Amino acid sequence: MKKRVLTAACMLALTAFATTCYADTKKGQKIDGKKEFEEHCAVCHKGGGNIVNPAKTLSKKDREANGIKTAKDIIATMRKPGPGMTAFDKKTVSDKEARAIADYVLKTFK
């Protein structure tokens, strides 16, 4: 009997841990923009560069030269990019994740 209770308690603890680790972001929970950037963007924009179009790096100078000045502009570009960039729909990158990425880009690549 004690073994069953212990096994059930372990299973419950593992389930709670897995749910916490893999659950979607809950309301009010902070999203790590750097982590999201590394997961979705760094393959092409490593270090703020651009392997597809070197004239369109994430530096403030290049962003602004291409009309991208705000977080809203970055998110719009993520949703409907130009040639050579993958589009990130809301299913792939939620609005909260996109905002965290945009804030990270603005803060990091000056």
C-alpha atoms as a PDB file:
ATOM      1  CA  MET A   1       0.000   0.000   0.000  1.00  0.00           C
ATOM      2  CA  LYS A   2       2.785   2.452   0.939  1.00  0.00           C
ATOM      3  CA  LYS A   3       4.534   1.676  -2.348  1.00  0.00           C
ATOM      4  CA  ARG A   4       1.388   2.609  -4.338  1.00  0.00           C
ATOM      5  CA  VAL A   5       0.985   5.875  -2.424  1.00  0.00           C
ATOM      6  CA  LEU A   6       4.650   6.709  -2.984  1.00  0.00           C
ATOM      7  CA  THR A   7       4.377   5.879  -6.702  1.00  0.00           C
ATOM      8  CA  ALA A   8       1.223   7.993  -7.031  1.00  0.00           C
ATOM      9  CA  ALA A   9       2.892  10.891  -5.222  1.00  0.00           C
ATOM     10  CA  CYS A  10       5.927  10.655  -7.519  1.00  0.00           C
ATOM     11  CA  MET A  11       3.721  10.584 -10.607  1.00  0.00           C
ATOM     12  CA  LEU A  12       1.785  13.602  -9.382  1.00  0.00           C
ATOM     13  CA  ALA A  13       5.019  15.513  -8.713  1.00  0.00           C
ATOM     14  CA  LEU A  14       6.413  14.650 -12.156  1.00  0.00           C
ATOM     15  CA  THR A  15       3.172  15.701 -13.830  1.00  0.00           C
ATOM     16  CA  ALA A  16       3.183  19.017 -11.978  1.00  0.00           C
ATOM     17  CA  PHE A  17       6.835  19.590 -12.928  1.00  0.00           C
ATOM     18  CA  ALA A  18       6.241  18.741 -16.597  1.00  0.00           C
ATOM     19  CA  THR A  19       3.184  20.956 -16.755  1.00  0.00           C
ATOM     20  CA  THR A  20       5.120  23.867 -15.296  1.00  0.00           C
ATOM     21  CA  CYS A  21       8.032  23.408 -17.689  1.00  0.00           C
ATOM     22  CA  TYR A  22       6.080  22.914 -20.864  1.00  0.00           C
ATOM     23  CA  ALA A  23       2.860  24.864 -20.335  1.00  0.00           C
ATOM     24  CA  ASP A  24       2.111  27.916 -22.436  1.00  0.00           C
ATOM     25  CA  THR A  25       2.895  31.236 -20.872  1.00  0.00           C
ATOM     26  CA  LYS A  26       0.245  32.207 -18.390  1.00  0.00           C
ATOM     27  CA  LYS A  27      -1.213  35.690 -18.082  1.00  0.00           C
ATOM     28  CA  GLY A  28       1.250  37.989 -16.384  1.00  0.00           C
ATOM     29  CA  GLN A  29       4.194  35.612 -16.782  1.00  0.00           C
ATOM     30  CA  LYS A  30       7.324  37.270 -18.178  1.00  0.00           C
ATOM     31  CA  ILE A  31       8.684  35.913 -21.450  1.00  0.00           C
ATOM     32  CA  ASP A  32      12.453  35.820 -22.004  1.00  0.00           C
ATOM     33  CA  GLY A  33      12.985  37.793 -25.214  1.00  0.00           C
ATOM     34  CA  LYS A  34      16.579  36.634 -25.548  1.00  0.00           C
ATOM     35  CA  LYS A  35      15.529  32.984 -25.308  1.00  0.00           C
ATOM     36  CA  GLU A  36      12.766  33.500 -27.873  1.00  0.00           C
ATOM     37  CA  PHE A  37      15.168  35.369 -30.171  1.00  0.00           C
ATOM     38  CA  GLU A  38      17.692  32.541 -29.954  1.00  0.00           C
ATOM     39  CA  GLU A  39      14.996  29.972 -30.689  1.00  0.00           C
ATOM     40  CA  HIS A  40      13.333  31.722 -33.643  1.00  0.00           C
ATOM     41  CA  CYS A  41      15.685  34.361 -35.044  1.00  0.00           C
ATOM     42  CA  ALA A  42      19.346  33.708 -34.263  1.00  0.00           C
ATOM     43  CA  VAL A  43      19.824  31.206 -37.087  1.00  0.00           C
ATOM     44  CA  CYS A  44      19.662  34.061 -39.603  1.00  0.00           C
ATOM     45  CA  HIS A  45      20.325  37.019 -37.282  1.00  0.00           C
ATOM     46  CA  LYS A  46      23.242  35.722 -35.198  1.00  0.00           C
ATOM     47  CA  GLY A  47      24.781  38.597 -33.284  1.00  0.00           C
ATOM     48  CA  GLY A  48      22.268  40.954 -34.872  1.00  0.00           C
ATOM     49  CA  GLY A  49      23.523  40.319 -38.382  1.00  0.00           C
ATOM     50  CA  ASN A  50      21.638  38.982 -41.381  1.00  0.00           C
ATOM     51  CA  ILE A  51      22.940  36.009 -43.366  1.00  0.00           C
ATOM     52  CA  VAL A  52      20.380  36.481 -46.146  1.00  0.00           C
ATOM     53  CA  ASN A  53      20.656  40.241 -46.669  1.00  0.00           C
ATOM     54  CA  PRO A  54      23.675  41.870 -44.990  1.00  0.00           C
ATOM     55  CA  ALA A  55      22.173  45.340 -45.613  1.00  0.00           C
ATOM     56  CA  LYS A  56      19.286  44.514 -43.277  1.00  0.00           C
ATOM     57  CA  THR A  57      20.954  43.775 -39.963  1.00  0.00           C
ATOM     58  CA  LEU A  58      19.260  44.359 -36.631  1.00  0.00           C
ATOM     59  CA  SER A  59      21.439  47.356 -35.812  1.00  0.00           C
ATOM     60  CA  LYS A  60      19.496  50.534 -35.091  1.00  0.00           C
ATOM     61  CA  LYS A  61      21.069  52.256 -38.103  1.00  0.00           C
ATOM     62  CA  ASP A  62      20.035  49.500 -40.534  1.00  0.00           C
ATOM     63  CA  ARG A  63      16.596  48.987 -38.949  1.00  0.00           C
ATOM     64  CA  GLU A  64      15.761  52.661 -39.177  1.00  0.00           C
ATOM     65  CA  ALA A  65      17.147  52.920 -42.727  1.00  0.00           C
ATOM     66  CA  ASN A  66      14.616  50.205 -43.602  1.00  0.00           C
ATOM     67  CA  GLY A  67      11.711  51.943 -41.809  1.00  0.00           C
ATOM     68  CA  ILE A  68      11.767  49.707 -38.717  1.00  0.00           C
ATOM     69  CA  LYS A  69      11.856  51.963 -35.657  1.00  0.00           C
ATOM     70  CA  THR A  70       9.496  50.484 -33.054  1.00  0.00           C
ATOM     71  CA  ALA A  71       8.558  47.155 -31.514  1.00  0.00           C
ATOM     72  CA  LYS A  72       5.355  47.327 -33.550  1.00  0.00           C
ATOM     73  CA  ASP A  73       7.435  47.649 -36.747  1.00  0.00           C
ATOM     74  CA  ILE A  74       9.555  44.635 -35.794  1.00  0.00           C
ATOM     75  CA  ILE A  75       6.475  42.528 -35.068  1.00  0.00           C
ATOM     76  CA  ALA A  76       4.893  43.578 -38.379  1.00  0.00           C
ATOM     77  CA  THR A  77       8.075  42.492 -40.159  1.00  0.00           C
ATOM     78  CA  MET A  78       8.032  39.157 -38.337  1.00  0.00           C
ATOM     79  CA  ARG A  79       4.425  38.579 -39.430  1.00  0.00           C
ATOM     80  CA  LYS A  80       4.818  39.765 -43.043  1.00  0.00           C
ATOM     81  CA  PRO A  81       8.511  39.890 -43.936  1.00  0.00           C
ATOM     82  CA  GLY A  82      10.105  40.680 -47.229  1.00  0.00           C
ATOM     83  CA  PRO A  83      11.799  38.205 -49.558  1.00  0.00           C
ATOM     84  CA  GLY A  84      14.216  35.796 -47.921  1.00  0.00           C
ATOM     85  CA  MET A  85      12.742  35.883 -44.409  1.00  0.00           C
ATOM     86  CA  THR A  86      10.417  33.294 -42.924  1.00  0.00           C
ATOM     87  CA  ALA A  87       7.045  34.610 -41.761  1.00  0.00           C
ATOM     88  CA  PHE A  88       6.248  33.923 -38.118  1.00  0.00           C
ATOM     89  CA  ASP A  89       2.489  33.618 -37.662  1.00  0.00           C
ATOM     90  CA  LYS A  90       0.768  33.901 -34.278  1.00  0.00           C
ATOM     91  CA  LYS A  91       0.644  30.129 -33.965  1.00  0.00           C
ATOM     92  CA  THR A  92       4.430  29.861 -34.289  1.00  0.00           C
ATOM     93  CA  VAL A  93       5.306  32.982 -32.282  1.00  0.00           C
ATOM     94  CA  SER A  94       2.550  34.360 -30.074  1.00  0.00           C
ATOM     95  CA  ASP A  95       1.954  38.099 -29.799  1.00  0.00           C
ATOM     96  CA  LYS A  96       3.551  38.091 -26.326  1.00  0.00           C
ATOM     97  CA  GLU A  97       6.608  36.211 -27.601  1.00  0.00           C
ATOM     98  CA  ALA A  98       6.883  38.531 -30.615  1.00  0.00           C
ATOM     99  CA  ARG A  99       6.736  41.568 -28.325  1.00  0.00           C
ATOM    100  CA  ALA A 100       9.449  40.083 -26.095  1.00  0.00           C
ATOM    101  CA  ILE A 101      11.634  39.456 -29.149  1.00  0.00           C
ATOM    102  CA  ALA A 102      11.045  42.989 -30.442  1.00  0.00           C
ATOM    103  CA  ASP A 103      11.897  44.515 -27.068  1.00  0.00           C
ATOM    104  CA  TYR A 104      15.043  42.380 -26.907  1.00  0.00           C
ATOM    105  CA  VAL A 105      16.118  43.502 -30.406  1.00  0.00           C
ATOM    106  CA  LEU A 106      15.555  47.173 -29.583  1.00  0.00           C
ATOM    107  CA  LYS A 107      17.451  46.883 -26.302  1.00  0.00           C
ATOM    108  CA  THR A 108      20.314  44.726 -27.574  1.00  0.00           C
ATOM    109  CA  PHE A 109      21.207  45.772 -31.117  1.00  0.00           C
ATOM    110  CA  LYS A 110      21.977  49.491 -31.040  1.00  0.00           C
END
